[in-house]
C-alpha atoms as a PDB file:
ATOM      1  CA  MET A   1     112.687 110.270  67.315  1.00  0.00           C
ATOM      2  CA  SER A   2     111.256 112.833  64.862  1.00  0.00           C
ATOM      3  CA  ARG A   3     107.690 114.191  65.182  1.00  0.00           C
ATOM      4  CA  TYR A   4     106.998 112.771  61.791  1.00  0.00           C
ATOM      5  CA  THR A   5     108.119 109.146  62.681  1.00  0.00           C
ATOM      6  CA  PRO A   6     104.438 107.824  62.973  1.00  0.00           C
ATOM      7  CA  LEU A   7     103.906 108.624  59.322  1.00  0.00           C
ATOM      8  CA  HIS A   8     106.443 105.796  58.590  1.00  0.00           C
ATOM      9  CA  ALA A   9     104.656 103.014  60.415  1.00  0.00           C
ATOM     10  CA  ALA A  10     104.722  99.941  58.229  1.00  0.00           C
ATOM     11  CA  PRO A  11     101.518  97.956  57.762  1.00  0.00           C
ATOM     12  CA  PRO A  12     100.241  95.626  58.900  1.00  0.00           C
ATOM     13  CA  VAL A  13     100.123  96.955  62.500  1.00  0.00           C
ATOM     14  CA  MET A  14      99.057  95.460  65.741  1.00  0.00           C
ATOM     15  CA  LEU A  15      96.851  97.833  67.912  1.00  0.00           C
ATOM     16  CA  PHE A  16      96.884  96.787  71.609  1.00  0.00           C
ATOM     17  CA  HIS A  17      93.676  98.207  73.139  1.00  0.00           C
ATOM     18  CA  ASP A  18      91.747  97.829  76.443  1.00  0.00           C
ATOM     19  CA  GLY A  19      88.677  95.866  75.560  1.00  0.00           C
ATOM     20  CA  HIS A  20      86.935  97.163  78.805  1.00  0.00           C
ATOM     21  CA  CYS A  21      87.266 100.827  77.955  1.00  0.00           C
ATOM     22  CA  PRO A  22      84.019 102.141  76.391  1.00  0.00           C
ATOM     23  CA  PHE A  23      85.925 104.668  74.247  1.00  0.00           C
ATOM     24  CA  CYS A  24      88.264 101.837  72.986  1.00  0.00           C
ATOM     25  CA  GLN A  25      85.211  99.672  72.236  1.00  0.00           C
ATOM     26  CA  GLN A  26      83.736 102.388  70.049  1.00  0.00           C
ATOM     27  CA  GLU A  27      87.037 102.942  68.212  1.00  0.00           C
ATOM     28  CA  VAL A  28      87.516  99.188  67.698  1.00  0.00           C
ATOM     29  CA  ALA A  29      83.928  98.815  66.320  1.00  0.00           C
ATOM     30  CA  TRP A  30      84.730 101.591  63.816  1.00  0.00           C
ATOM     31  CA  LEU A  31      88.101  99.950  62.928  1.00  0.00           C
ATOM     32  CA  GLU A  32      86.368  96.585  62.358  1.00  0.00           C
ATOM     33  CA  LYS A  33      84.364  98.116  59.559  1.00  0.00           C
ATOM     34  CA  HIS A  34      87.194 100.358  58.054  1.00  0.00           C
ATOM     35  CA  ARG A  35      87.943  99.855  54.417  1.00  0.00           C
ATOM     36  CA  HIS A  36      91.597  99.258  55.309  1.00  0.00           C
ATOM     37  CA  ARG A  37      90.816  96.692  58.094  1.00  0.00           C
ATOM     38  CA  GLU A  38      93.284  94.222  56.650  1.00  0.00           C
ATOM     39  CA  HIS A  39      96.155  96.516  57.781  1.00  0.00           C
ATOM     40  CA  ILE A  40      95.256  96.206  61.443  1.00  0.00           C
ATOM     41  CA  ALA A  41      95.456  93.357  63.892  1.00  0.00           C
ATOM     42  CA  LEU A  42      93.356  94.206  67.046  1.00  0.00           C
ATOM     43  CA  VAL A  43      94.686  92.809  70.315  1.00  0.00           C
ATOM     44  CA  ASP A  44      92.549  93.137  73.375  1.00  0.00           C
ATOM     45  CA  ILE A  45      94.978  93.470  76.350  1.00  0.00           C
ATOM     46  CA  GLN A  46      92.129  92.521  78.741  1.00  0.00           C
ATOM     47  CA  ALA A  47      91.731  89.122  77.175  1.00  0.00           C
ATOM     48  CA  ARG A  48      92.353  86.248  79.463  1.00  0.00           C
ATOM     49  CA  ASP A  49      95.092  84.827  77.269  1.00  0.00           C
ATOM     50  CA  PHE A  50      96.912  88.089  76.668  1.00  0.00           C
ATOM     51  CA  ASN A  51     100.506  88.214  78.053  1.00  0.00           C
ATOM     52  CA  ALA A  52     102.158  91.625  77.731  1.00  0.00           C
ATOM     53  CA  GLN A  53     105.614  90.056  78.484  1.00  0.00           C
ATOM     54  CA  ALA A  54     105.319  87.937  75.362  1.00  0.00           C
ATOM     55  CA  TYR A  55     105.573  91.244  73.518  1.00  0.00           C
ATOM     56  CA  GLY A  56     108.306  92.607  75.699  1.00  0.00           C
ATOM     57  CA  GLN A  57     105.929  95.081  77.365  1.00  0.00           C
ATOM     58  CA  ASP A  58     104.558  95.694  80.818  1.00  0.00           C
ATOM     59  CA  PHE A  59     100.770  95.218  81.203  1.00  0.00           C
ATOM     60  CA  ASN A  60     100.413  98.329  83.468  1.00  0.00           C
ATOM     61  CA  ALA A  61     102.284 100.527  80.884  1.00  0.00           C
ATOM     62  CA  MET A  62      99.958  99.161  78.147  1.00  0.00           C
ATOM     63  CA  MET A  63      96.883  99.996  80.284  1.00  0.00           C
ATOM     64  CA  GLY A  64      98.156 103.536  80.748  1.00  0.00           C
ATOM     65  CA  GLN A  65      98.685 104.432  77.085  1.00  0.00           C
ATOM     66  CA  LEU A  66      97.698 102.952  73.727  1.00  0.00           C
ATOM     67  CA  HIS A  67     100.442 100.769  72.115  1.00  0.00           C
ATOM     68  CA  LEU A  68     100.881  99.954  68.458  1.00  0.00           C
ATOM     69  CA  ARG A  69     103.596  97.821  66.814  1.00  0.00           C
ATOM     70  CA  ASP A  70     104.231  97.944  63.119  1.00  0.00           C
ATOM     71  CA  SER A  71     105.374  95.100  60.871  1.00  0.00           C
ATOM     72  CA  GLN A  72     109.022  96.199  61.302  1.00  0.00           C
ATOM     73  CA  GLY A  73     108.785  95.759  65.079  1.00  0.00           C
ATOM     74  CA  LYS A  74     108.719  99.422  65.886  1.00  0.00           C
ATOM     75  CA  TRP A  75     106.606 100.511  68.854  1.00  0.00           C
ATOM     76  CA  TYR A  76     104.428 103.601  68.996  1.00  0.00           C
ATOM     77  CA  ILE A  77     103.011 104.654  72.303  1.00  0.00           C
ATOM     78  CA  GLY A  78     100.381 107.182  73.354  1.00  0.00           C
ATOM     79  CA  MET A  79      99.461 109.788  70.823  1.00  0.00           C
ATOM     80  CA  ASP A  80     102.062 108.548  68.414  1.00  0.00           C
ATOM     81  CA  ALA A  81     100.245 105.164  68.374  1.00  0.00           C
ATOM     82  CA  SER A  82      97.076 107.061  67.286  1.00  0.00           C
ATOM     83  CA  ARG A  83      99.113 108.938  64.677  1.00  0.00           C
ATOM     84  CA  ALA A  84     100.718 105.741  63.309  1.00  0.00           C
ATOM     85  CA  LEU A  85      97.384 104.012  63.164  1.00  0.00           C
ATOM     86  CA  TYR A  86      95.768 106.826  61.259  1.00  0.00           C
ATOM     87  CA  ALA A  87      98.700 107.047  58.926  1.00  0.00           C
ATOM     88  CA  VAL A  88      98.323 103.435  58.125  1.00  0.00           C
ATOM     89  CA  LEU A  89      94.593 103.829  57.547  1.00  0.00           C
ATOM     90  CA  GLY A  90      95.253 106.557  54.969  1.00  0.00           C
ATOM     91  CA  TYR A  91      94.753 109.739  56.970  1.00  0.00           C
ATOM     92  CA  ARG A  92      98.239 110.951  56.308  1.00  0.00           C
ATOM     93  CA  ARG A  93      97.305 114.630  55.909  1.00  0.00           C
ATOM     94  CA  LEU A  94      95.579 114.669  59.166  1.00  0.00           C
ATOM     95  CA  VAL A  95      98.523 112.911  60.858  1.00  0.00           C
ATOM     96  CA  ARG A  96     101.038 115.359  59.184  1.00  0.00           C
ATOM     97  CA  PHE A  97      98.961 118.291  60.556  1.00  0.00           C
ATOM     98  CA  SER A  98      99.017 116.727  64.053  1.00  0.00           C
ATOM     99  CA  CYS A  99     102.819 116.681  63.816  1.00  0.00           C
ATOM    100  CA  PHE A 100     103.229 120.329  63.283  1.00  0.00           C
ATOM    101  CA  PRO A 101     105.010 122.431  66.086  1.00  0.00           C
ATOM    102  CA  GLY A 102     102.482 123.544  68.652  1.00  0.00           C
ATOM    103  CA  VAL A 103      99.726 121.152  67.432  1.00  0.00           C
ATOM    104  CA  HIS A 104     101.955 118.251  68.258  1.00  0.00           C
ATOM    105  CA  GLY A 105     102.471 119.327  71.817  1.00  0.00           C
ATOM    106  CA  ILE A 106      98.812 120.192  72.388  1.00  0.00           C
ATOM    107  CA  MET A 107      97.648 116.935  71.046  1.00  0.00           C
ATOM    108  CA  ASN A 108     100.140 114.930  73.069  1.00  0.00           C
ATOM    109  CA  ALA A 109      99.114 116.834  76.268  1.00  0.00           C
ATOM    110  CA  GLY A 110      95.363 116.273  75.519  1.00  0.00           C
ATOM    111  CA  TYR A 111      96.077 112.579  74.895  1.00  0.00           C
ATOM    112  CA  ARG A 112      97.827 112.269  78.231  1.00  0.00           C
ATOM    113  CA  PHE A 113      95.029 114.086  80.065  1.00  0.00           C
ATOM    114  CA  PHE A 114      92.488 111.783  78.461  1.00  0.00           C
ATOM    115  CA  ALA A 115      94.471 108.570  78.984  1.00  0.00           C
ATOM    116  CA  ARG A 116      94.812 109.219  82.757  1.00  0.00           C
ATOM    117  CA  ARG A 117      91.048 109.814  83.086  1.00  0.00           C
ATOM    118  CA  ARG A 118      89.573 107.434  80.401  1.00  0.00           C
ATOM    119  CA  ILE A 119      88.156 104.948  82.902  1.00  0.00           C
ATOM    120  CA  ARG A 120      86.249 107.577  84.859  1.00  0.00           C
ATOM    121  CA  LEU A 121      85.240 109.487  81.686  1.00  0.00           C
ATOM    122  CA  GLY A 122      84.084 106.139  80.195  1.00  0.00           C
ATOM    123  CA  GLN A 123      81.932 105.308  83.191  1.00  0.00           C
ATOM    124  CA  TRP A 124      80.324 108.874  83.047  1.00  0.00           C
ATOM    125  CA  TRP A 125      79.842 108.516  79.286  1.00  0.00           C
ATOM    126  CA  GLU A 126      78.156 105.071  79.620  1.00  0.00           C
ATOM    127  CA  LYS A 127      75.798 106.410  82.294  1.00  0.00           C
ATOM    128  CA  ARG A 128      74.852 109.273  79.938  1.00  0.00           C
ATOM    129  CA  GLN A 129      74.198 106.849  77.062  1.00  0.00           C
ATOM    130  CA  THR A 130      71.836 104.666  79.257  1.00  0.00           C
ATOM    131  CA  LYS A 131      69.878 107.779  80.267  1.00  0.00           C
ATOM    132  CA  ARG A 132      68.855 108.542  76.656  1.00  0.00           C
END
């Protein structure tokens, strides 16, 4: 797969997110108001009726990294899911920049670092917000 593959995500897309994650909640709230909202279906993987196997996926894998499926059935996972989402929303220049050699690797590593720690970071962030 090419570094630039996420630029070719075909709308509408389905974004599978963790509805219990404070960072995901913030992003979803922003997406709900976005001018291109019609290009995104938001799927909360923490919803009682969600079944990862119905999408051919493993729930634990979906909890570990962001997943996005485009209208052609192509899956984008991790940082590529974010890139595909932002490409569909019209931020193609930003996505293209994130695909450049060097930047691509740094952003992927940063995403993996964040994804592994998002629950603890989210709890810390929520505590900071309540102290204000």
